[in-house]
Amino acid sequence: MAIPESGPAAAEVARNIQRARKARHLKQSEVSDRLAAAGRPTLPTVVSKIERGERRIDVDDLVAFGRALGVPPALLLYPLGEDAEVEVLAGQQVSTWGAFRWFIGEAPFPELGTPHGEVDEETGLAEWYGRTSWEEGAAPVALWRQHHEQVTEWFAVPSRVRRLSQDEDEERLARAREWEKIEGALKQTRATMRMRGLKPPALPEELADLDN
């Protein structure tokens, strides 16, 4: 069976691997050593072929090169600060920032491309592409970010309250009120995760009893 040709995403990754390697003044042999240390043994000759687009790059390669080069894998796909636009899919050139935000779950795909199926007359978007559909798919990203922010806020309460309170008893009461409010919101976030069939992240020791 013939191996299908690489698409624009693979070509973009190949260019950015080479760009990142040269920016760090690394030889291909040094990248090869780093890939081996990351658990993805790759000969220097293969690194060269990947950079020239002569060897297909898969998801495992993308992750390993990100680790070896010290670059978030998303930036090997969509290099912020390098190119104003990237070709995400064949014939679909979009802003690099828009593509990056879509990839990490912050925003819908920045361009519609060719719609398939029924189109919503009001928005001009294909039904399968509607914002509601995207928000459903990206919900875990928003929920995990919200959870992280709530836990971070919980730990920040003592120092924040201390700056605002003059009296020790007042400080203790204010701290308890703030913690109670944040814990209530955090419980709701975790309940929403479970309702969606998601497993909430582990809680720090200080909040271990929250689910009880």
C-alpha atoms as a PDB file:
ATOM      1  CA  MET A   1       0.000   0.000   0.000  1.00  0.00           C
ATOM      2  CA  ALA A   2       1.384   3.392  -0.978  1.00  0.00           C
ATOM      3  CA  ILE A   3       2.102   5.817   1.847  1.00  0.00           C
ATOM      4  CA  PRO A   4      -0.066   8.934   1.427  1.00  0.00           C
ATOM      5  CA  GLU A   5       1.735  12.209   0.919  1.00  0.00           C
ATOM      6  CA  SER A   6       2.190  14.465   3.910  1.00  0.00           C
ATOM      7  CA  GLY A   7      -0.227  17.350   4.231  1.00  0.00           C
ATOM      8  CA  PRO A   8       0.439  20.995   5.103  1.00  0.00           C
ATOM      9  CA  ALA A   9       0.511  20.350   8.862  1.00  0.00           C
ATOM     10  CA  ALA A  10       3.385  17.863   8.528  1.00  0.00           C
ATOM     11  CA  ALA A  11       5.271  20.261   6.251  1.00  0.00           C
ATOM     12  CA  GLU A  12       4.799  23.053   8.808  1.00  0.00           C
ATOM     13  CA  VAL A  13       6.109  20.855  11.626  1.00  0.00           C
ATOM     14  CA  ALA A  14       9.171  19.882   9.563  1.00  0.00           C
ATOM     15  CA  ARG A  15      10.019  23.547   8.923  1.00  0.00           C
ATOM     16  CA  ASN A  16       9.551  24.464  12.562  1.00  0.00           C
ATOM     17  CA  ILE A  17      11.650  21.578  13.852  1.00  0.00           C
ATOM     18  CA  GLN A  18      14.529  22.814  11.719  1.00  0.00           C
ATOM     19  CA  ARG A  19      13.875  26.415  12.743  1.00  0.00           C
ATOM     20  CA  ALA A  20      13.833  25.541  16.459  1.00  0.00           C
ATOM     21  CA  ARG A  21      16.954  23.377  16.184  1.00  0.00           C
ATOM     22  CA  LYS A  22      18.942  26.125  14.472  1.00  0.00           C
ATOM     23  CA  ALA A  23      17.701  28.760  16.931  1.00  0.00           C
ATOM     24  CA  ARG A  24      19.172  26.616  19.718  1.00  0.00           C
ATOM     25  CA  HIS A  25      22.419  26.033  17.789  1.00  0.00           C
ATOM     26  CA  LEU A  26      21.943  22.269  17.944  1.00  0.00           C
ATOM     27  CA  LYS A  27      23.377  19.755  15.507  1.00  0.00           C
ATOM     28  CA  GLN A  28      21.092  17.060  14.156  1.00  0.00           C
ATOM     29  CA  SER A  29      23.187  14.517  16.059  1.00  0.00           C
ATOM     30  CA  GLU A  30      22.512  16.402  19.301  1.00  0.00           C
ATOM     31  CA  VAL A  31      18.782  16.405  18.601  1.00  0.00           C
ATOM     32  CA  SER A  32      19.062  12.671  17.918  1.00  0.00           C
ATOM     33  CA  ASP A  33      20.661  12.174  21.349  1.00  0.00           C
ATOM     34  CA  ARG A  34      17.902  14.185  22.999  1.00  0.00           C
ATOM     35  CA  LEU A  35      15.212  12.198  21.195  1.00  0.00           C
ATOM     36  CA  ALA A  36      16.769   8.967  22.435  1.00  0.00           C
ATOM     37  CA  ALA A  37      16.802  10.337  25.984  1.00  0.00           C
ATOM     38  CA  ALA A  38      13.125  11.235  25.550  1.00  0.00           C
ATOM     39  CA  GLY A  39      12.348   7.624  24.624  1.00  0.00           C
ATOM     40  CA  ARG A  40      12.080   8.150  20.860  1.00  0.00           C
ATOM     41  CA  PRO A  41      15.382   6.884  19.338  1.00  0.00           C
ATOM     42  CA  THR A  42      15.874   8.614  15.991  1.00  0.00           C
ATOM     43  CA  LEU A  43      19.029   8.548  13.883  1.00  0.00           C
ATOM     44  CA  PRO A  44      20.577  11.879  12.826  1.00  0.00           C
ATOM     45  CA  THR A  45      19.940  10.888   9.204  1.00  0.00           C
ATOM     46  CA  VAL A  46      16.243  10.488  10.029  1.00  0.00           C
ATOM     47  CA  VAL A  47      16.185  13.891  11.748  1.00  0.00           C
ATOM     48  CA  SER A  48      17.604  15.301   8.519  1.00  0.00           C
ATOM     49  CA  LYS A  49      14.955  13.555   6.412  1.00  0.00           C
ATOM     50  CA  ILE A  50      12.177  14.834   8.689  1.00  0.00           C
ATOM     51  CA  GLU A  51      13.447  18.407   8.383  1.00  0.00           C
ATOM     52  CA  ARG A  52      13.551  18.093   4.583  1.00  0.00           C
ATOM     53  CA  GLY A  53      10.055  16.622   4.477  1.00  0.00           C
ATOM     54  CA  GLU A  54      11.329  13.299   3.144  1.00  0.00           C
ATOM     55  CA  ARG A  55       9.961  11.278   6.043  1.00  0.00           C
ATOM     56  CA  ARG A  56       6.447  11.471   7.437  1.00  0.00           C
ATOM     57  CA  ILE A  57       6.181  12.754  10.990  1.00  0.00           C
ATOM     58  CA  ASP A  58       3.575  11.264  13.307  1.00  0.00           C
ATOM     59  CA  VAL A  59       2.098  12.400  16.610  1.00  0.00           C
ATOM     60  CA  ASP A  60       4.724  10.533  18.651  1.00  0.00           C
ATOM     61  CA  ASP A  61       7.443  12.333  16.690  1.00  0.00           C
ATOM     62  CA  LEU A  62       5.757  15.688  17.284  1.00  0.00           C
ATOM     63  CA  VAL A  63       5.655  15.145  21.046  1.00  0.00           C
ATOM     64  CA  ALA A  64       9.231  13.835  21.183  1.00  0.00           C
ATOM     65  CA  PHE A  65      10.638  16.719  19.137  1.00  0.00           C
ATOM     66  CA  GLY A  66       8.792  19.172  21.365  1.00  0.00           C
ATOM     67  CA  ARG A  67      10.439  17.558  24.384  1.00  0.00           C
ATOM     68  CA  ALA A  68      13.880  17.390  22.770  1.00  0.00           C
ATOM     69  CA  LEU A  69      13.826  20.992  21.564  1.00  0.00           C
ATOM     70  CA  GLY A  70      12.138  22.482  24.626  1.00  0.00           C
ATOM     71  CA  VAL A  71       9.210  23.735  22.556  1.00  0.00           C
ATOM     72  CA  PRO A  72       5.495  23.160  23.228  1.00  0.00           C
ATOM     73  CA  PRO A  73       4.329  20.772  20.474  1.00  0.00           C
ATOM     74  CA  ALA A  74       1.565  23.233  19.572  1.00  0.00           C
ATOM     75  CA  LEU A  75       4.228  25.776  18.572  1.00  0.00           C
ATOM     76  CA  LEU A  76       5.847  23.255  16.236  1.00  0.00           C
ATOM     77  CA  LEU A  77       2.510  23.187  14.429  1.00  0.00           C
ATOM     78  CA  TYR A  78       1.610  26.858  14.706  1.00  0.00           C
ATOM     79  CA  PRO A  79       4.733  29.005  15.276  1.00  0.00           C
ATOM     80  CA  LEU A  80       3.560  32.198  16.947  1.00  0.00           C
ATOM     81  CA  GLY A  81       5.808  35.123  16.120  1.00  0.00           C
ATOM     82  CA  GLU A  82       7.218  33.493  12.996  1.00  0.00           C
ATOM     83  CA  ASP A  83       4.513  33.393  10.324  1.00  0.00           C
ATOM     84  CA  ALA A  84       1.350  35.502  10.254  1.00  0.00           C
ATOM     85  CA  GLU A  85      -0.614  32.682   8.617  1.00  0.00           C
ATOM     86  CA  VAL A  86      -0.419  28.904   8.357  1.00  0.00           C
ATOM     87  CA  GLU A  87      -2.083  26.368   6.096  1.00  0.00           C
ATOM     88  CA  VAL A  88      -3.949  24.188   8.579  1.00  0.00           C
ATOM     89  CA  LEU A  89      -5.735  21.995   6.042  1.00  0.00           C
ATOM     90  CA  ALA A  90      -5.241  21.793   2.294  1.00  0.00           C
ATOM     91  CA  GLY A  91      -6.216  25.161   0.840  1.00  0.00           C
ATOM     92  CA  GLN A  92      -7.222  26.626   4.222  1.00  0.00           C
ATOM     93  CA  GLN A  93      -4.828  29.417   5.159  1.00  0.00           C
ATOM     94  CA  VAL A  94      -5.673  31.032   8.506  1.00  0.00           C
ATOM     95  CA  SER A  95      -3.985  33.282  11.055  1.00  0.00           C
ATOM     96  CA  THR A  96      -1.357  31.483  13.118  1.00  0.00           C
ATOM     97  CA  TRP A  97      -2.830  32.863  16.348  1.00  0.00           C
ATOM     98  CA  GLY A  98      -6.312  31.692  15.357  1.00  0.00           C
ATOM     99  CA  ALA A  99      -5.015  28.219  14.516  1.00  0.00           C
ATOM    100  CA  PHE A 100      -3.069  28.032  17.781  1.00  0.00           C
ATOM    101  CA  ARG A 101      -6.101  29.046  19.868  1.00  0.00           C
ATOM    102  CA  TRP A 102      -8.215  26.430  18.093  1.00  0.00           C
ATOM    103  CA  PHE A 103      -5.588  23.744  18.688  1.00  0.00           C
ATOM    104  CA  ILE A 104      -5.461  24.361  22.447  1.00  0.00           C
ATOM    105  CA  GLY A 105      -9.249  24.590  22.739  1.00  0.00           C
ATOM    106  CA  GLU A 106      -9.619  28.329  23.310  1.00  0.00           C
ATOM    107  CA  ALA A 107     -11.611  29.216  20.183  1.00  0.00           C
ATOM    108  CA  PRO A 108     -13.433  27.601  17.251  1.00  0.00           C
ATOM    109  CA  PHE A 109     -11.628  26.899  14.003  1.00  0.00           C
ATOM    110  CA  PRO A 110     -10.901  30.356  12.532  1.00  0.00           C
ATOM    111  CA  GLU A 111     -12.125  29.567   9.027  1.00  0.00           C
ATOM    112  CA  LEU A 112     -15.082  27.550   7.857  1.00  0.00           C
ATOM    113  CA  GLY A 113     -13.634  26.155   4.667  1.00  0.00           C
ATOM    114  CA  THR A 114     -16.099  24.205   2.541  1.00  0.00           C
ATOM    115  CA  PRO A 115     -19.292  23.448   4.494  1.00  0.00           C
ATOM    116  CA  HIS A 116     -20.764  19.967   4.418  1.00  0.00           C
ATOM    117  CA  GLY A 117     -24.379  19.104   5.096  1.00  0.00           C
ATOM    118  CA  GLU A 118     -27.093  21.564   6.083  1.00  0.00           C
ATOM    119  CA  VAL A 119     -26.049  25.188   6.564  1.00  0.00           C
ATOM    120  CA  ASP A 120     -27.506  27.530   9.174  1.00  0.00           C
ATOM    121  CA  GLU A 121     -28.879  30.461   7.131  1.00  0.00           C
ATOM    122  CA  GLU A 122     -28.359  32.943   9.954  1.00  0.00           C
ATOM    123  CA  THR A 123     -24.684  32.180  10.609  1.00  0.00           C
ATOM    124  CA  GLY A 124     -23.666  30.649   7.287  1.00  0.00           C
ATOM    125  CA  LEU A 125     -22.005  27.821   9.202  1.00  0.00           C
ATOM    126  CA  ALA A 126     -22.527  24.141   8.584  1.00  0.00           C
ATOM    127  CA  GLU A 127     -24.695  22.593  11.297  1.00  0.00           C
ATOM    128  CA  TRP A 128     -21.882  20.339  12.484  1.00  0.00           C
ATOM    129  CA  TYR A 129     -19.644  23.386  12.851  1.00  0.00           C
ATOM    130  CA  GLY A 130     -21.947  25.480  15.045  1.00  0.00           C
ATOM    131  CA  ARG A 131     -20.412  27.208  18.061  1.00  0.00           C
ATOM    132  CA  THR A 132     -22.516  25.112  20.422  1.00  0.00           C
ATOM    133  CA  SER A 133     -20.990  21.975  18.940  1.00  0.00           C
ATOM    134  CA  TRP A 134     -17.478  23.387  19.322  1.00  0.00           C
ATOM    135  CA  GLU A 135     -18.057  24.487  22.921  1.00  0.00           C
ATOM    136  CA  GLU A 136     -19.271  20.990  23.748  1.00  0.00           C
ATOM    137  CA  GLY A 137     -16.128  19.465  22.287  1.00  0.00           C
ATOM    138  CA  ALA A 138     -13.825  21.968  24.010  1.00  0.00           C
ATOM    139  CA  ALA A 139     -15.625  21.828  27.378  1.00  0.00           C
ATOM    140  CA  PRO A 140     -12.875  19.801  29.123  1.00  0.00           C
ATOM    141  CA  VAL A 141     -10.332  22.545  28.369  1.00  0.00           C
ATOM    142  CA  ALA A 142     -12.518  25.258  29.902  1.00  0.00           C
ATOM    143  CA  LEU A 143     -13.392  23.103  32.912  1.00  0.00           C
ATOM    144  CA  TRP A 144      -9.774  22.143  33.654  1.00  0.00           C
ATOM    145  CA  ARG A 145      -8.669  25.765  33.347  1.00  0.00           C
ATOM    146  CA  GLN A 146     -11.472  26.849  35.674  1.00  0.00           C
ATOM    147  CA  HIS A 147     -10.554  24.122  38.168  1.00  0.00           C
ATOM    148  CA  HIS A 148      -6.885  25.148  38.119  1.00  0.00           C
ATOM    149  CA  GLU A 149      -7.769  28.813  38.668  1.00  0.00           C
ATOM    150  CA  GLN A 150     -10.084  27.986  41.575  1.00  0.00           C
ATOM    151  CA  VAL A 151      -7.459  25.864  43.333  1.00  0.00           C
ATOM    152  CA  THR A 152      -4.862  28.602  42.789  1.00  0.00           C
ATOM    153  CA  GLU A 153      -7.274  31.191  44.183  1.00  0.00           C
ATOM    154  CA  TRP A 154      -7.924  29.009  47.258  1.00  0.00           C
ATOM    155  CA  PHE A 155      -4.223  28.973  48.124  1.00  0.00           C
ATOM    156  CA  ALA A 156      -3.963  32.741  47.592  1.00  0.00           C
ATOM    157  CA  VAL A 157      -6.662  33.535  50.173  1.00  0.00           C
ATOM    158  CA  PRO A 158      -4.433  33.852  53.300  1.00  0.00           C
ATOM    159  CA  SER A 159      -2.074  36.422  51.802  1.00  0.00           C
ATOM    160  CA  ARG A 160      -4.906  38.375  50.161  1.00  0.00           C
ATOM    161  CA  VAL A 161      -6.974  38.531  53.351  1.00  0.00           C
ATOM    162  CA  ARG A 162      -3.930  39.409  55.447  1.00  0.00           C
ATOM    163  CA  ARG A 163      -3.316  42.504  53.348  1.00  0.00           C
ATOM    164  CA  LEU A 164      -6.904  43.695  53.785  1.00  0.00           C
ATOM    165  CA  SER A 165      -7.521  42.878  57.466  1.00  0.00           C
ATOM    166  CA  GLN A 166      -6.286  44.791  60.495  1.00  0.00           C
ATOM    167  CA  ASP A 167      -7.662  42.527  63.214  1.00  0.00           C
ATOM    168  CA  GLU A 168      -6.650  38.887  63.745  1.00  0.00           C
ATOM    169  CA  ASP A 169     -10.216  37.688  64.408  1.00  0.00           C
ATOM    170  CA  GLU A 170     -11.491  39.631  61.431  1.00  0.00           C
ATOM    171  CA  GLU A 171      -8.795  38.058  59.297  1.00  0.00           C
ATOM    172  CA  ARG A 172      -9.741  34.546  60.435  1.00  0.00           C
ATOM    173  CA  LEU A 173     -13.433  35.102  59.649  1.00  0.00           C
ATOM    174  CA  ALA A 174     -12.680  36.666  56.275  1.00  0.00           C
ATOM    175  CA  ARG A 175     -10.402  33.776  55.400  1.00  0.00           C
ATOM    176  CA  ALA A 176     -13.092  31.242  56.309  1.00  0.00           C
ATOM    177  CA  ARG A 177     -15.702  33.085  54.213  1.00  0.00           C
ATOM    178  CA  GLU A 178     -13.417  33.252  51.189  1.00  0.00           C
ATOM    179  CA  TRP A 179     -12.478  29.594  51.438  1.00  0.00           C
ATOM    180  CA  GLU A 180     -16.124  28.572  51.771  1.00  0.00           C
ATOM    181  CA  LYS A 181     -17.074  30.538  48.656  1.00  0.00           C
ATOM    182  CA  ILE A 182     -14.225  29.122  46.562  1.00  0.00           C
ATOM    183  CA  GLU A 183     -14.802  25.575  47.785  1.00  0.00           C
ATOM    184  CA  GLY A 184     -18.464  25.840  46.790  1.00  0.00           C
ATOM    185  CA  ALA A 185     -17.497  26.924  43.283  1.00  0.00           C
ATOM    186  CA  LEU A 186     -14.846  24.207  43.076  1.00  0.00           C
ATOM    187  CA  LYS A 187     -17.366  21.547  44.106  1.00  0.00           C
ATOM    188  CA  GLN A 188     -19.680  22.744  41.348  1.00  0.00           C
ATOM    189  CA  THR A 189     -16.887  22.567  38.774  1.00  0.00           C
ATOM    190  CA  ARG A 190     -16.038  19.016  39.787  1.00  0.00           C
ATOM    191  CA  ALA A 191     -19.725  18.049  39.727  1.00  0.00           C
ATOM    192  CA  THR A 192     -20.004  19.424  36.182  1.00  0.00           C
ATOM    193  CA  MET A 193     -16.972  17.379  35.150  1.00  0.00           C
ATOM    194  CA  ARG A 194     -18.574  14.195  36.482  1.00  0.00           C
ATOM    195  CA  MET A 195     -21.898  15.037  34.864  1.00  0.00           C
ATOM    196  CA  ARG A 196     -20.065  15.160  31.522  1.00  0.00           C
ATOM    197  CA  GLY A 197     -18.473  11.782  32.197  1.00  0.00           C
ATOM    198  CA  LEU A 198     -15.061  13.289  32.981  1.00  0.00           C
ATOM    199  CA  LYS A 199     -12.782  12.276  35.841  1.00  0.00           C
ATOM    200  CA  PRO A 200     -11.851  15.393  37.875  1.00  0.00           C
ATOM    201  CA  PRO A 201      -8.145  15.992  38.555  1.00  0.00           C
ATOM    202  CA  ALA A 202      -6.637  14.994  41.882  1.00  0.00           C
ATOM    203  CA  LEU A 203      -6.978  17.604  44.604  1.00  0.00           C
ATOM    204  CA  PRO A 204      -4.044  18.861  46.679  1.00  0.00           C
ATOM    205  CA  GLU A 205      -3.789  17.431  50.184  1.00  0.00           C
ATOM    206  CA  GLU A 206      -5.276  20.581  51.736  1.00  0.00           C
ATOM    207  CA  LEU A 207      -8.502  20.070  49.755  1.00  0.00           C
ATOM    208  CA  ALA A 208      -8.591  16.270  49.851  1.00  0.00           C
ATOM    209  CA  ASP A 209     -11.876  16.185  51.827  1.00  0.00           C
ATOM    210  CA  LEU A 210     -13.747  18.416  49.384  1.00  0.00           C
ATOM    211  CA  ASP A 211     -15.482  15.521  47.604  1.00  0.00           C
ATOM    212  CA  ASN A 212     -16.637  13.872  50.845  1.00  0.00           C
END
